[in-house]
């Protein structure tokens, strides 16, 4: 999985919520962008919470486990 942009992540979250509200787990549509037509697909695949770490994009660690020096 790769991180693209906050806007895309938020749009995918909105689409996911709408699909689940309609008991759907996939959608296909034609979209036009920059003068070209594209077939767009989204498929929701449930993952086990224990496996979340391996599905996250590669980003630097946010928490440093090393002890902090005081001084």
Protein backbone atom coordinates (compact mmCIF):
# COMPACT_ATOMS: atom_id res chain seq x y z
CA UNK A 1 0.00 0.00 0.00
CA UNK A 2 1.26 3.45 -0.77
CA UNK A 3 0.24 6.85 0.48
CA UNK A 4 -0.73 9.26 -2.30
CA UNK A 5 -2.32 12.32 -0.72
CA UNK A 6 -4.54 13.37 2.16
CA UNK A 7 -7.29 14.37 -0.30
CA UNK A 8 -7.34 10.92 -1.91
CA UNK A 9 -7.29 9.18 1.47
CA UNK A 10 -10.25 11.30 2.63
CA UNK A 11 -12.16 10.67 -0.62
CA UNK A 12 -11.61 6.91 -0.31
CA UNK A 13 -12.83 7.04 3.30
CA UNK A 14 -16.03 8.84 2.20
CA UNK A 15 -16.60 6.34 -0.61
CA UNK A 16 -16.03 3.44 1.79
CA UNK A 17 -18.56 4.80 4.29
CA UNK A 18 -21.15 5.28 1.52
CA UNK A 19 -20.61 1.77 0.17
CA UNK A 20 -20.99 0.23 3.61
CA UNK A 21 -24.14 2.29 4.27
CA UNK A 22 -25.59 0.57 1.19
CA UNK A 23 -24.29 -2.89 2.17
CA UNK A 24 -21.98 -2.87 -0.85
CA UNK A 25 -18.32 -3.90 -0.97
CA UNK A 26 -17.45 -2.86 -4.53
CA UNK A 27 -18.30 -0.29 -7.17
CA UNK A 28 -17.33 0.35 -10.77
CA UNK A 29 -17.85 3.55 -12.71
CA UNK A 30 -16.63 5.51 -15.71
CA UNK A 31 -14.97 8.82 -14.90
CA UNK A 32 -13.55 11.60 -17.01
CA UNK A 33 -10.35 13.33 -15.90
CA UNK A 34 -8.04 15.58 -17.88
CA UNK A 35 -10.02 14.90 -21.05
CA UNK A 36 -9.66 11.11 -20.82
CA UNK A 37 -12.16 8.45 -19.76
CA UNK A 38 -11.22 5.87 -17.18
CA UNK A 39 -12.89 2.85 -15.65
CA UNK A 40 -12.66 3.29 -11.88
CA UNK A 41 -13.10 0.41 -9.48
CA UNK A 42 -13.12 0.15 -5.72
CA UNK A 43 -13.23 -3.09 -3.76
CA UNK A 44 -13.44 -3.25 0.01
CA UNK A 45 -11.54 -6.10 1.61
CA UNK A 46 -11.83 -6.51 5.37
CA UNK A 47 -8.52 -7.05 7.15
CA UNK A 48 -7.78 -8.45 10.59
CA UNK A 49 -6.84 -5.66 13.03
CA UNK A 50 -3.78 -7.69 14.02
CA UNK A 51 -2.53 -7.32 10.41
CA UNK A 52 -2.97 -3.55 10.15
CA UNK A 53 0.77 -2.79 10.41
CA UNK A 54 1.60 -4.71 7.26
CA UNK A 55 -1.11 -2.84 5.31
CA UNK A 56 0.04 0.66 6.29
CA UNK A 57 2.12 2.74 3.90
CA UNK A 58 5.84 2.92 4.53
CA UNK A 59 6.29 6.03 6.65
CA UNK A 60 8.96 6.95 9.18
CA UNK A 61 8.25 5.78 12.72
CA UNK A 62 6.14 8.25 14.65
CA UNK A 63 7.11 6.95 18.07
CA UNK A 64 10.68 6.60 19.23
CA UNK A 65 10.99 3.66 21.61
CA UNK A 66 14.47 4.70 22.77
CA UNK A 67 14.66 6.22 26.25
CA UNK A 68 14.74 9.99 26.33
CA UNK A 69 17.65 11.70 27.97
CA UNK A 70 16.82 14.41 30.43
CA UNK A 71 19.07 17.31 30.98
